[in-house]
Amino acid sequence: MEFFPTPLALAFRRLAVGAICATVQLAPRAVAADFSPAIIFDMGGKFDKSFNQSAGDGAARFKKETGIEVREFEVTNAAQREQAMTRFAQRGTQIIVAIGFSQASAVEAAAKKFPHVKFAIVDGSVDLPNVQSINFREHESSFLCGMTAAMASKTGKVGFIGGMDIPLIRKFAAGYAAGAKFVNPSAEVIQNMIGTTAAAWNDPTKGSELAKSQIGRGVDVIFHAAGNTGGGVMQAAKDAGKLSIGCDSNQNYLHPGSVLTSAVKRVDVAVYQTILDAKNGTWKAGPIVLGLAEQGVDYALDEFNRKLITPAMEAKLNQAKADIIAGKLKVAEYKAK
């Protein structure tokens, strides 16, 4: 059974059209023997149970299927990003995958210094001939999560807690608010951001404090887009007998019966596919954008939240999902002023 959805893989395949035939025809063993990929995780760490961990899952799948080791580095301060890329490039790495928008400047600098090395950045954009920029339509999955929150809420008040206050997280927030209002025009959406620095991704204590504050104001469903900080948000919701919504990875399993759903972003697919394409000689630079249509984002429904999502709720969510894919329902994307 194919683990990753075909439409998403096809999005990468379309980007690869026009790849040099001679490269594609390289013998698989020769390519594998010389192939050395690397991944650089950003703030929050590889095991944040969210964004970085999803990326790590994609690298792990590549290793499991091919037997090829993926070199890794976890960033703890900004200066390490370009240093790590330089070190990997100098050691013969063919593709370096950078996780997170904040690595864009480092990718740009390293890609210029090493034009023969392939680079991929997730959640960022770098316009260079040896860089692949992979982004997602997070507002689409967040819209579905907003709908879910509004349908489950008993108070009509739902919350959003973002990590670092940047346009990407504002995109999550805007989609979530739009989905809640789509179901209940009078719904109140209370929003907070953790901070303005990278430390915002790794502060569960502050996440918990903000969640408790929102709950005190009547919020009974809270969606986080805050990386490792989200763990504090979800724990506080559980402790108060309220519902939370996970982000990036499927986090339903963390607190079964308390996590309403998760806004899934298939960072694992993106990482797996870009490394695999580089190995197979079908990789190509340029932008890739993955949404509901490409099965790059979605809401999560499994055994851990099945009892929280009624058949009526599921029917409404699936109809909205189909309408978004068909273009009948437009979800406005947040634009920074």
C-alpha atoms as a PDB file:
ATOM      1  CA  MET A   1       0.000   0.000   0.000  1.00  0.00           C
ATOM      2  CA  GLU A   2       1.343   3.429  -0.973  1.00  0.00           C
ATOM      3  CA  PHE A   3       1.901   5.435   2.218  1.00  0.00           C
ATOM      4  CA  PHE A   4       2.030   8.842   0.570  1.00  0.00           C
ATOM      5  CA  PRO A   5      -0.818  10.219  -1.571  1.00  0.00           C
ATOM      6  CA  THR A   6      -0.327  10.093  -5.319  1.00  0.00           C
ATOM      7  CA  PRO A   7      -1.476  13.682  -6.060  1.00  0.00           C
ATOM      8  CA  LEU A   8       1.238  15.129  -3.843  1.00  0.00           C
ATOM      9  CA  ALA A   9       3.918  12.974  -5.396  1.00  0.00           C
ATOM     10  CA  LEU A  10       2.668  14.095  -8.790  1.00  0.00           C
ATOM     11  CA  ALA A  11       3.168  17.720  -7.786  1.00  0.00           C
ATOM     12  CA  PHE A  12       6.862  16.968  -7.393  1.00  0.00           C
ATOM     13  CA  ARG A  13       6.868  14.953 -10.603  1.00  0.00           C
ATOM     14  CA  ARG A  14       5.407  17.878 -12.564  1.00  0.00           C
ATOM     15  CA  LEU A  15       8.222  20.079 -11.313  1.00  0.00           C
ATOM     16  CA  ALA A  16      10.713  17.501 -12.543  1.00  0.00           C
ATOM     17  CA  VAL A  17       9.452  17.514 -16.162  1.00  0.00           C
ATOM     18  CA  GLY A  18      12.340  18.334 -18.430  1.00  0.00           C
ATOM     19  CA  ALA A  19      15.020  16.771 -16.241  1.00  0.00           C
ATOM     20  CA  ILE A  20      18.079  15.702 -18.220  1.00  0.00           C
ATOM     21  CA  CYS A  21      17.528  12.222 -19.649  1.00  0.00           C
ATOM     22  CA  ALA A  22      21.132  11.194 -19.204  1.00  0.00           C
ATOM     23  CA  THR A  23      20.850  11.896 -15.489  1.00  0.00           C
ATOM     24  CA  VAL A  24      17.668   9.852 -15.184  1.00  0.00           C
ATOM     25  CA  GLN A  25      19.323   6.903 -16.881  1.00  0.00           C
ATOM     26  CA  LEU A  26      22.128   6.618 -14.341  1.00  0.00           C
ATOM     27  CA  ALA A  27      22.342   3.148 -12.884  1.00  0.00           C
ATOM     28  CA  PRO A  28      20.483   3.087  -9.517  1.00  0.00           C
ATOM     29  CA  ARG A  29      23.380   1.406  -7.674  1.00  0.00           C
ATOM     30  CA  ALA A  30      25.873   3.974  -8.929  1.00  0.00           C
ATOM     31  CA  VAL A  31      23.636   6.830  -7.809  1.00  0.00           C
ATOM     32  CA  ALA A  32      22.932   5.246  -4.419  1.00  0.00           C
ATOM     33  CA  ALA A  33      26.597   4.534  -3.752  1.00  0.00           C
ATOM     34  CA  ASP A  34      27.579   8.169  -4.189  1.00  0.00           C
ATOM     35  CA  PHE A  35      24.401   9.803  -2.898  1.00  0.00           C
ATOM     36  CA  SER A  36      24.582  11.685   0.400  1.00  0.00           C
ATOM     37  CA  PRO A  37      21.606  13.824   1.546  1.00  0.00           C
ATOM     38  CA  ALA A  38      21.327  16.041   4.627  1.00  0.00           C
ATOM     39  CA  ILE A  39      18.566  17.705   6.616  1.00  0.00           C
ATOM     40  CA  ILE A  40      18.853  20.717   8.916  1.00  0.00           C
ATOM     41  CA  PHE A  41      16.153  21.056  11.572  1.00  0.00           C
ATOM     42  CA  ASP A  42      15.351  24.493  12.922  1.00  0.00           C
ATOM     43  CA  MET A  43      14.522  25.821  16.387  1.00  0.00           C
ATOM     44  CA  GLY A  44      12.263  23.580  18.439  1.00  0.00           C
ATOM     45  CA  GLY A  45      14.284  20.464  17.727  1.00  0.00           C
ATOM     46  CA  LYS A  46      13.837  17.273  15.766  1.00  0.00           C
ATOM     47  CA  PHE A  47      11.483  15.786  18.345  1.00  0.00           C
ATOM     48  CA  ASP A  48       9.017  18.679  18.708  1.00  0.00           C
ATOM     49  CA  LYS A  49       6.095  16.309  17.903  1.00  0.00           C
ATOM     50  CA  SER A  50       5.116  18.826  15.229  1.00  0.00           C
ATOM     51  CA  PHE A  51       6.821  20.556  12.283  1.00  0.00           C
ATOM     52  CA  ASN A  52      10.423  19.397  12.680  1.00  0.00           C
ATOM     53  CA  GLN A  53       9.423  15.884  13.686  1.00  0.00           C
ATOM     54  CA  SER A  54       7.272  15.514  10.595  1.00  0.00           C
ATOM     55  CA  ALA A  55      10.311  16.462   8.505  1.00  0.00           C
ATOM     56  CA  GLY A  56      12.350  13.882  10.393  1.00  0.00           C
ATOM     57  CA  ASP A  57       9.737  11.229   9.601  1.00  0.00           C
ATOM     58  CA  GLY A  58      10.196  11.910   5.891  1.00  0.00           C
ATOM     59  CA  ALA A  59      13.967  11.526   6.162  1.00  0.00           C
ATOM     60  CA  ALA A  60      13.522   8.345   8.195  1.00  0.00           C
ATOM     61  CA  ARG A  61      11.263   6.853   5.541  1.00  0.00           C
ATOM     62  CA  PHE A  62      13.831   7.617   2.851  1.00  0.00           C
ATOM     63  CA  LYS A  63      16.524   5.835   4.872  1.00  0.00           C
ATOM     64  CA  LYS A  64      14.258   2.857   5.563  1.00  0.00           C
ATOM     65  CA  GLU A  65      13.389   2.407   1.888  1.00  0.00           C
ATOM     66  CA  THR A  66      16.825   3.022   0.386  1.00  0.00           C
ATOM     67  CA  GLY A  67      19.273   2.148   3.153  1.00  0.00           C
ATOM     68  CA  ILE A  68      20.951   5.527   2.601  1.00  0.00           C
ATOM     69  CA  GLU A  69      21.814   7.546   5.686  1.00  0.00           C
ATOM     70  CA  VAL A  70      20.476  11.117   5.880  1.00  0.00           C
ATOM     71  CA  ARG A  71      22.894  13.392   7.704  1.00  0.00           C
ATOM     72  CA  GLU A  72      21.222  15.565  10.325  1.00  0.00           C
ATOM     73  CA  PHE A  73      21.826  18.779  12.230  1.00  0.00           C
ATOM     74  CA  GLU A  74      19.624  20.516  14.821  1.00  0.00           C
ATOM     75  CA  VAL A  75      19.992  24.309  14.936  1.00  0.00           C
ATOM     76  CA  THR A  76      20.167  25.938  18.364  1.00  0.00           C
ATOM     77  CA  ASN A  77      21.235  29.418  17.254  1.00  0.00           C
ATOM     78  CA  ALA A  78      20.898  31.358  14.014  1.00  0.00           C
ATOM     79  CA  ALA A  79      24.608  31.387  13.150  1.00  0.00           C
ATOM     80  CA  GLN A  80      24.652  27.595  12.899  1.00  0.00           C
ATOM     81  CA  ARG A  81      22.367  27.430   9.876  1.00  0.00           C
ATOM     82  CA  GLU A  82      24.793  28.563   7.182  1.00  0.00           C
ATOM     83  CA  GLN A  83      27.711  26.932   9.001  1.00  0.00           C
ATOM     84  CA  ALA A  84      25.968  23.549   8.898  1.00  0.00           C
ATOM     85  CA  MET A  85      25.076  23.938   5.224  1.00  0.00           C
ATOM     86  CA  THR A  86      28.655  24.873   4.383  1.00  0.00           C
ATOM     87  CA  ARG A  87      30.009  21.890   6.276  1.00  0.00           C
ATOM     88  CA  PHE A  88      27.616  19.463   4.580  1.00  0.00           C
ATOM     89  CA  ALA A  89      28.389  20.902   1.131  1.00  0.00           C
ATOM     90  CA  GLN A  90      32.130  20.640   1.712  1.00  0.00           C
ATOM     91  CA  ARG A  91      31.729  16.994   2.715  1.00  0.00           C
ATOM     92  CA  GLY A  92      30.118  16.065  -0.579  1.00  0.00           C
ATOM     93  CA  THR A  93      26.414  16.225   0.257  1.00  0.00           C
ATOM     94  CA  GLN A  94      24.322  16.381  -2.933  1.00  0.00           C
ATOM     95  CA  ILE A  95      21.101  17.781  -1.447  1.00  0.00           C
ATOM     96  CA  ILE A  96      20.567  19.792   1.726  1.00  0.00           C
ATOM     97  CA  VAL A  97      17.003  20.175   3.025  1.00  0.00           C
ATOM     98  CA  ALA A  98      16.420  23.161   5.313  1.00  0.00           C
ATOM     99  CA  ILE A  99      13.356  23.060   7.561  1.00  0.00           C
ATOM    100  CA  GLY A 100      11.667  26.378   8.277  1.00  0.00           C
ATOM    101  CA  PHE A 101      11.283  29.851   6.782  1.00  0.00           C
ATOM    102  CA  SER A 102      13.993  31.296   9.020  1.00  0.00           C
ATOM    103  CA  GLN A 103      16.630  29.350   7.103  1.00  0.00           C
ATOM    104  CA  ALA A 104      15.940  31.206   3.849  1.00  0.00           C
ATOM    105  CA  SER A 105      18.834  33.669   4.115  1.00  0.00           C
ATOM    106  CA  ALA A 106      21.258  30.876   5.011  1.00  0.00           C
ATOM    107  CA  VAL A 107      20.034  28.766   2.084  1.00  0.00           C
ATOM    108  CA  GLU A 108      20.460  31.699  -0.284  1.00  0.00           C
ATOM    109  CA  ALA A 109      24.012  32.338   0.889  1.00  0.00           C
ATOM    110  CA  ALA A 110      25.039  28.679   0.843  1.00  0.00           C
ATOM    111  CA  ALA A 111      23.382  27.971  -2.505  1.00  0.00           C
ATOM    112  CA  LYS A 112      25.348  30.810  -4.085  1.00  0.00           C
ATOM    113  CA  LYS A 113      28.609  29.497  -2.630  1.00  0.00           C
ATOM    114  CA  PHE A 114      27.901  25.919  -3.750  1.00  0.00           C
ATOM    115  CA  PRO A 115      26.004  26.096  -7.065  1.00  0.00           C
ATOM    116  CA  HIS A 116      26.649  22.385  -7.714  1.00  0.00           C
ATOM    117  CA  VAL A 117      24.735  21.385  -4.550  1.00  0.00           C
ATOM    118  CA  LYS A 118      20.957  21.053  -4.519  1.00  0.00           C
ATOM    119  CA  PHE A 119      19.054  22.817  -1.747  1.00  0.00           C
ATOM    120  CA  ALA A 120      15.423  22.552  -0.683  1.00  0.00           C
ATOM    121  CA  ILE A 121      13.684  24.784   1.835  1.00  0.00           C
ATOM    122  CA  VAL A 122      10.353  23.965   3.469  1.00  0.00           C
ATOM    123  CA  ASP A 123       8.115  26.949   4.326  1.00  0.00           C
ATOM    124  CA  GLY A 124      10.404  29.413   2.594  1.00  0.00           C
ATOM    125  CA  SER A 125      11.213  30.802  -0.837  1.00  0.00           C
ATOM    126  CA  VAL A 126      14.630  31.249  -2.415  1.00  0.00           C
ATOM    127  CA  ASP A 127      14.818  32.042  -6.124  1.00  0.00           C
ATOM    128  CA  LEU A 128      18.049  30.412  -7.288  1.00  0.00           C
ATOM    129  CA  PRO A 129      18.716  27.776  -9.970  1.00  0.00           C
ATOM    130  CA  ASN A 130      19.770  25.151  -7.418  1.00  0.00           C
ATOM    131  CA  VAL A 131      17.001  25.689  -4.827  1.00  0.00           C
ATOM    132  CA  GLN A 132      13.583  24.054  -4.534  1.00  0.00           C
ATOM    133  CA  SER A 133      11.101  26.057  -2.448  1.00  0.00           C
ATOM    134  CA  ILE A 134       8.299  23.998  -0.888  1.00  0.00           C
ATOM    135  CA  ASN A 135       5.296  25.773   0.633  1.00  0.00           C
ATOM    136  CA  PHE A 136       1.797  24.823   1.710  1.00  0.00           C
ATOM    137  CA  ARG A 137      -1.721  26.250   1.687  1.00  0.00           C
ATOM    138  CA  GLU A 138      -2.044  26.100   5.457  1.00  0.00           C
ATOM    139  CA  HIS A 139      -5.110  28.325   5.381  1.00  0.00           C
ATOM    140  CA  GLU A 140      -7.075  25.527   3.709  1.00  0.00           C
ATOM    141  CA  SER A 141      -6.546  22.945   6.446  1.00  0.00           C
ATOM    142  CA  SER A 142      -6.893  25.637   9.107  1.00  0.00           C
ATOM    143  CA  PHE A 143     -10.276  26.557   7.617  1.00  0.00           C
ATOM    144  CA  LEU A 144     -11.460  22.979   8.147  1.00  0.00           C
ATOM    145  CA  CYS A 145     -10.128  23.061  11.709  1.00  0.00           C
ATOM    146  CA  GLY A 146     -11.981  26.317  12.333  1.00  0.00           C
ATOM    147  CA  MET A 147     -15.166  24.697  11.106  1.00  0.00           C
ATOM    148  CA  THR A 148     -14.553  21.741  13.412  1.00  0.00           C
ATOM    149  CA  ALA A 149     -13.923  24.013  16.389  1.00  0.00           C
ATOM    150  CA  ALA A 150     -17.096  26.014  15.823  1.00  0.00           C
ATOM    151  CA  MET A 151     -19.194  22.866  15.443  1.00  0.00           C
ATOM    152  CA  ALA A 152     -17.777  21.388  18.660  1.00  0.00           C
ATOM    153  CA  SER A 153     -17.816  24.557  20.760  1.00  0.00           C
ATOM    154  CA  LYS A 154     -20.547  24.929  23.380  1.00  0.00           C
ATOM    155  CA  THR A 155     -19.687  28.526  24.252  1.00  0.00           C
ATOM    156  CA  GLY A 156     -19.297  29.962  20.753  1.00  0.00           C
ATOM    157  CA  LYS A 157     -15.782  31.057  21.727  1.00  0.00           C
ATOM    158  CA  VAL A 158     -12.757  29.379  20.149  1.00  0.00           C
ATOM    159  CA  GLY A 159      -9.089  30.199  20.511  1.00  0.00           C
ATOM    160  CA  PHE A 160      -5.909  30.321  18.451  1.00  0.00           C
ATOM    161  CA  ILE A 161      -2.363  30.409  19.844  1.00  0.00           C
ATOM    162  CA  GLY A 162       0.434  30.972  17.369  1.00  0.00           C
ATOM    163  CA  GLY A 163       4.160  30.612  17.932  1.00  0.00           C
ATOM    164  CA  MET A 164       6.317  33.278  16.350  1.00  0.00           C
ATOM    165  CA  ASP A 165       4.294  36.229  15.060  1.00  0.00           C
ATOM    166  CA  ILE A 166       5.042  35.969  11.343  1.00  0.00           C
ATOM    167  CA  PRO A 167       2.893  35.977   8.172  1.00  0.00           C
ATOM    168  CA  LEU A 168       3.007  32.167   7.960  1.00  0.00           C
ATOM    169  CA  ILE A 169       1.368  31.798  11.385  1.00  0.00           C
ATOM    170  CA  ARG A 170      -1.046  34.607  10.617  1.00  0.00           C
ATOM    171  CA  LYS A 171      -2.069  32.487   7.618  1.00  0.00           C
ATOM    172  CA  PHE A 172      -2.998  29.641   9.978  1.00  0.00           C
ATOM    173  CA  ALA A 173      -4.935  32.071  12.169  1.00  0.00           C
ATOM    174  CA  ALA A 174      -6.840  33.676   9.286  1.00  0.00           C
ATOM    175  CA  GLY A 175      -7.922  30.337   7.839  1.00  0.00           C
ATOM    176  CA  TYR A 176      -9.028  29.124  11.265  1.00  0.00           C
ATOM    177  CA  ALA A 177     -11.102  32.242  11.961  1.00  0.00           C
ATOM    178  CA  ALA A 178     -12.688  32.076   8.513  1.00  0.00           C
ATOM    179  CA  GLY A 179     -13.684  28.442   9.042  1.00  0.00           C
ATOM    180  CA  ALA A 180     -15.205  29.168  12.440  1.00  0.00           C
ATOM    181  CA  LYS A 181     -17.196  32.087  11.035  1.00  0.00           C
ATOM    182  CA  PHE A 182     -18.290  29.949   8.070  1.00  0.00           C
ATOM    183  CA  VAL A 183     -20.077  27.623  10.500  1.00  0.00           C
ATOM    184  CA  ASN A 184     -21.109  30.232  13.079  1.00  0.00           C
ATOM    185  CA  PRO A 185     -21.024  33.861  11.893  1.00  0.00           C
ATOM    186  CA  SER A 186     -21.325  35.054  15.498  1.00  0.00           C
ATOM    187  CA  ALA A 187     -18.446  32.894  16.763  1.00  0.00           C
ATOM    188  CA  GLU A 188     -15.802  34.751  18.780  1.00  0.00           C
ATOM    189  CA  VAL A 189     -12.203  33.881  17.865  1.00  0.00           C
ATOM    190  CA  ILE A 190      -9.628  34.882  20.487  1.00  0.00           C
ATOM    191  CA  GLN A 191      -6.045  34.968  19.202  1.00  0.00           C
ATOM    192  CA  ASN A 192      -2.658  35.214  20.891  1.00  0.00           C
ATOM    193  CA  MET A 193       0.925  34.899  19.693  1.00  0.00           C
ATOM    194  CA  ILE A 194       3.743  33.564  21.860  1.00  0.00           C
ATOM    195  CA  GLY A 195       6.425  36.017  20.757  1.00  0.00           C
ATOM    196  CA  THR A 196       8.503  37.575  18.000  1.00  0.00           C
ATOM    197  CA  THR A 197      11.681  35.497  18.203  1.00  0.00           C
ATOM    198  CA  ALA A 198      12.530  31.881  17.470  1.00  0.00           C
ATOM    199  CA  ALA A 199      12.203  31.092  21.189  1.00  0.00           C
ATOM    200  CA  ALA A 200       8.439  31.208  20.627  1.00  0.00           C
ATOM    201  CA  TRP A 201       8.575  27.710  19.132  1.00  0.00           C
ATOM    202  CA  ASN A 202       9.913  26.138  22.302  1.00  0.00           C
ATOM    203  CA  ASP A 203       8.066  27.635  25.291  1.00  0.00           C
ATOM    204  CA  PRO A 204       5.398  25.171  26.533  1.00  0.00           C
ATOM    205  CA  THR A 205       5.047  27.093  29.800  1.00  0.00           C
ATOM    206  CA  LYS A 206       3.930  30.274  28.053  1.00  0.00           C
ATOM    207  CA  GLY A 207       1.718  28.211  25.761  1.00  0.00           C
ATOM    208  CA  SER A 208       0.004  26.783  28.815  1.00  0.00           C
ATOM    209  CA  GLU A 209      -0.402  30.208  30.400  1.00  0.00           C
ATOM    210  CA  LEU A 210      -2.026  31.685  27.299  1.00  0.00           C
ATOM    211  CA  ALA A 211      -4.312  28.680  26.945  1.00  0.00           C
ATOM    212  CA  LYS A 212      -5.461  29.023  30.570  1.00  0.00           C
ATOM    213  CA  SER A 213      -6.109  32.719  29.974  1.00  0.00           C
ATOM    214  CA  GLN A 214      -8.253  31.979  26.930  1.00  0.00           C
ATOM    215  CA  ILE A 215     -10.144  29.271  28.791  1.00  0.00           C
ATOM    216  CA  GLY A 216     -10.798  31.790  31.548  1.00  0.00           C
ATOM    217  CA  ARG A 217     -12.474  33.984  28.929  1.00  0.00           C
ATOM    218  CA  GLY A 218     -14.836  31.200  27.894  1.00  0.00           C
ATOM    219  CA  VAL A 219     -12.879  29.491  25.114  1.00  0.00           C
ATOM    220  CA  ASP A 220     -13.535  25.750  24.966  1.00  0.00           C
ATOM    221  CA  VAL A 221     -11.557  24.790  21.813  1.00  0.00           C
ATOM    222  CA  ILE A 222      -7.982  25.997  21.199  1.00  0.00           C
ATOM    223  CA  PHE A 223      -5.948  25.540  18.004  1.00  0.00           C
ATOM    224  CA  HIS A 224      -2.183  25.945  18.263  1.00  0.00           C
ATOM    225  CA  ALA A 225       0.342  26.584  15.501  1.00  0.00           C
ATOM    226  CA  ALA A 226       3.333  26.885  17.784  1.00  0.00           C
ATOM    227  CA  GLY A 227       5.663  23.922  17.375  1.00  0.00           C
ATOM    228  CA  ASN A 228       6.907  22.486  20.663  1.00  0.00           C
ATOM    229  CA  THR A 229       5.135  25.300  22.527  1.00  0.00           C
ATOM    230  CA  GLY A 230       1.870  23.715  21.472  1.00  0.00           C
ATOM    231  CA  GLY A 231       2.473  20.888  23.924  1.00  0.00           C
ATOM    232  CA  GLY A 232       1.737  23.297  26.755  1.00  0.00           C
ATOM    233  CA  VAL A 233      -1.421  24.515  25.013  1.00  0.00           C
ATOM    234  CA  MET A 234      -2.745  20.990  24.552  1.00  0.00           C
ATOM    235  CA  GLN A 235      -1.917  19.922  28.109  1.00  0.00           C
ATOM    236  CA  ALA A 236      -3.685  22.962  29.568  1.00  0.00           C
ATOM    237  CA  ALA A 237      -6.783  22.246  27.496  1.00  0.00           C
ATOM    238  CA  LYS A 238      -6.848  18.636  28.639  1.00  0.00           C
ATOM    239  CA  ASP A 239      -6.380  19.593  32.289  1.00  0.00           C
ATOM    240  CA  ALA A 240      -9.307  22.017  32.046  1.00  0.00           C
ATOM    241  CA  GLY A 241     -11.576  19.512  30.333  1.00  0.00           C
ATOM    242  CA  LYS A 242     -11.518  21.500  27.084  1.00  0.00           C
ATOM    243  CA  LEU A 243     -10.549  20.595  23.525  1.00  0.00           C
ATOM    244  CA  SER A 244      -7.398  21.401  21.579  1.00  0.00           C
ATOM    245  CA  ILE A 245      -6.428  21.167  17.919  1.00  0.00           C
ATOM    246  CA  GLY A 246      -2.957  19.977  16.923  1.00  0.00           C
ATOM    247  CA  CYS A 247      -0.774  21.270  14.133  1.00  0.00           C
ATOM    248  CA  ASP A 248       1.591  20.096  11.373  1.00  0.00           C
ATOM    249  CA  SER A 249       1.846  16.474  12.514  1.00  0.00           C
ATOM    250  CA  ASN A 250      -1.233  14.453  13.450  1.00  0.00           C
ATOM    251  CA  GLN A 251      -1.239  15.099  17.202  1.00  0.00           C
ATOM    252  CA  ASN A 252      -4.539  13.389  17.980  1.00  0.00           C
ATOM    253  CA  TYR A 253      -2.713  10.612  19.815  1.00  0.00           C
ATOM    254  CA  LEU A 254      -1.120  12.943  22.375  1.00  0.00           C
ATOM    255  CA  HIS A 255      -4.321  13.357  24.400  1.00  0.00           C
ATOM    256  CA  PRO A 256      -6.963  10.946  23.064  1.00  0.00           C
ATOM    257  CA  GLY A 257     -10.442  12.317  23.594  1.00  0.00           C
ATOM    258  CA  SER A 258      -9.140  15.837  24.203  1.00  0.00           C
ATOM    259  CA  VAL A 259      -7.591  16.644  20.809  1.00  0.00           C
ATOM    260  CA  LEU A 260     -10.496  17.472  18.514  1.00  0.00           C
ATOM    261  CA  THR A 261      -8.419  17.164  15.328  1.00  0.00           C
ATOM    262  CA  SER A 262      -5.090  18.290  13.867  1.00  0.00           C
ATOM    263  CA  ALA A 263      -4.196  20.525  10.942  1.00  0.00           C
ATOM    264  CA  VAL A 264      -1.921  18.105   9.139  1.00  0.00           C
ATOM    265  CA  LYS A 265       0.822  19.480   6.912  1.00  0.00           C
ATOM    266  CA  ARG A 266       2.701  16.783   5.024  1.00  0.00           C
ATOM    267  CA  VAL A 267       6.190  18.052   5.626  1.00  0.00           C
ATOM    268  CA  ASP A 268       7.184  14.386   5.773  1.00  0.00           C
ATOM    269  CA  VAL A 269       6.021  13.931   2.197  1.00  0.00           C
ATOM    270  CA  ALA A 270       7.880  17.023   1.025  1.00  0.00           C
ATOM    271  CA  VAL A 271      11.163  15.933   2.603  1.00  0.00           C
ATOM    272  CA  TYR A 272      10.882  12.336   1.454  1.00  0.00           C
ATOM    273  CA  GLN A 273       9.978  13.290  -2.112  1.00  0.00           C
ATOM    274  CA  THR A 274      12.629  15.967  -2.649  1.00  0.00           C
ATOM    275  CA  ILE A 275      15.406  13.674  -1.386  1.00  0.00           C
ATOM    276  CA  LEU A 276      14.103  10.742  -3.433  1.00  0.00           C
ATOM    277  CA  ASP A 277      13.915  12.864  -6.580  1.00  0.00           C
ATOM    278  CA  ALA A 278      17.485  14.067  -6.023  1.00  0.00           C
ATOM    279  CA  LYS A 279      18.620  10.456  -5.701  1.00  0.00           C
ATOM    280  CA  ASN A 280      16.733   9.376  -8.822  1.00  0.00           C
ATOM    281  CA  GLY A 281      17.913  12.280 -10.961  1.00  0.00           C
ATOM    282  CA  THR A 282      14.417  13.776 -11.366  1.00  0.00           C
ATOM    283  CA  TRP A 283      14.862  16.706  -8.969  1.00  0.00           C
ATOM    284  CA  LYS A 284      14.371  20.206 -10.300  1.00  0.00           C
ATOM    285  CA  ALA A 285      14.648  23.645  -8.736  1.00  0.00           C
ATOM    286  CA  GLY A 286      11.675  25.962  -8.407  1.00  0.00           C
ATOM    287  CA  PRO A 287       8.537  26.534  -6.335  1.00  0.00           C
ATOM    288  CA  ILE A 288       6.104  23.865  -5.170  1.00  0.00           C
ATOM    289  CA  VAL A 289       2.857  24.738  -3.384  1.00  0.00           C
ATOM    290  CA  LEU A 290       0.815  21.962  -1.775  1.00  0.00           C
ATOM    291  CA  GLY A 291      -2.780  22.267  -0.610  1.00  0.00           C
ATOM    292  CA  LEU A 292      -5.885  20.133  -0.208  1.00  0.00           C
ATOM    293  CA  ALA A 293      -5.963  19.309  -3.921  1.00  0.00           C
ATOM    294  CA  GLU A 294      -2.454  17.832  -3.760  1.00  0.00           C
ATOM    295  CA  GLN A 295      -3.212  16.150  -0.400  1.00  0.00           C
ATOM    296  CA  GLY A 296      -0.425  18.228   1.123  1.00  0.00           C
ATOM    297  CA  VAL A 297      -2.671  19.506   3.943  1.00  0.00           C
ATOM    298  CA  ASP A 298      -5.797  18.132   5.631  1.00  0.00           C
ATOM    299  CA  TYR A 299      -7.603  17.683   8.917  1.00  0.00           C
ATOM    300  CA  ALA A 300      -6.935  14.482  10.856  1.00  0.00           C
ATOM    301  CA  LEU A 301      -9.567  11.872  11.650  1.00  0.00           C
ATOM    302  CA  ASP A 302      -8.521   8.620  13.317  1.00  0.00           C
ATOM    303  CA  GLU A 303      -9.268   6.289  16.212  1.00  0.00           C
ATOM    304  CA  PHE A 304      -8.079   8.887  18.732  1.00  0.00           C
ATOM    305  CA  ASN A 305     -10.672  11.542  17.845  1.00  0.00           C
ATOM    306  CA  ARG A 306     -13.323   9.462  16.104  1.00  0.00           C
ATOM    307  CA  LYS A 307     -15.808   9.878  18.988  1.00  0.00           C
ATOM    308  CA  LEU A 308     -15.402  13.664  18.923  1.00  0.00           C
ATOM    309  CA  ILE A 309     -16.315  14.067  15.240  1.00  0.00           C
ATOM    310  CA  THR A 310     -19.938  13.173  14.603  1.00  0.00           C
ATOM    311  CA  PRO A 311     -21.118  11.892  11.197  1.00  0.00           C
ATOM    312  CA  ALA A 312     -22.879  15.218  10.632  1.00  0.00           C
ATOM    313  CA  MET A 313     -19.692  17.145  11.369  1.00  0.00           C
ATOM    314  CA  GLU A 314     -17.660  14.883   9.097  1.00  0.00           C
ATOM    315  CA  ALA A 315     -20.147  15.321   6.262  1.00  0.00           C
ATOM    316  CA  LYS A 316     -19.920  19.118   6.501  1.00  0.00           C
ATOM    317  CA  LEU A 317     -16.123  19.024   6.622  1.00  0.00           C
ATOM    318  CA  ASN A 318     -15.848  16.708   3.641  1.00  0.00           C
ATOM    319  CA  GLN A 319     -18.268  18.845   1.639  1.00  0.00           C
ATOM    320  CA  ALA A 320     -16.262  21.977   2.394  1.00  0.00           C
ATOM    321  CA  LYS A 321     -13.055  20.131   1.535  1.00  0.00           C
ATOM    322  CA  ALA A 322     -14.500  19.030  -1.822  1.00  0.00           C
ATOM    323  CA  ASP A 323     -15.734  22.563  -2.550  1.00  0.00           C
ATOM    324  CA  ILE A 324     -12.309  24.062  -1.778  1.00  0.00           C
ATOM    325  CA  ILE A 325     -10.614  21.562  -4.078  1.00  0.00           C
ATOM    326  CA  ALA A 326     -13.172  22.253  -6.823  1.00  0.00           C
ATOM    327  CA  GLY A 327     -12.754  26.013  -6.427  1.00  0.00           C
ATOM    328  CA  LYS A 328     -16.368  26.532  -5.322  1.00  0.00           C
ATOM    329  CA  LEU A 329     -15.299  27.675  -1.871  1.00  0.00           C
ATOM    330  CA  LYS A 330     -12.514  30.232  -1.728  1.00  0.00           C
ATOM    331  CA  VAL A 331     -10.430  30.481   1.432  1.00  0.00           C
ATOM    332  CA  ALA A 332      -8.771  33.876   1.552  1.00  0.00           C
ATOM    333  CA  GLU A 333      -5.037  33.754   2.243  1.00  0.00           C
ATOM    334  CA  TYR A 334      -3.504  36.142   4.764  1.00  0.00           C
ATOM    335  CA  LYS A 335      -1.415  38.826   3.131  1.00  0.00           C
ATOM    336  CA  ALA A 336       1.079  40.818   5.163  1.00  0.00           C
ATOM    337  CA  LYS A 337       0.506  44.554   4.854  1.00  0.00           C
END
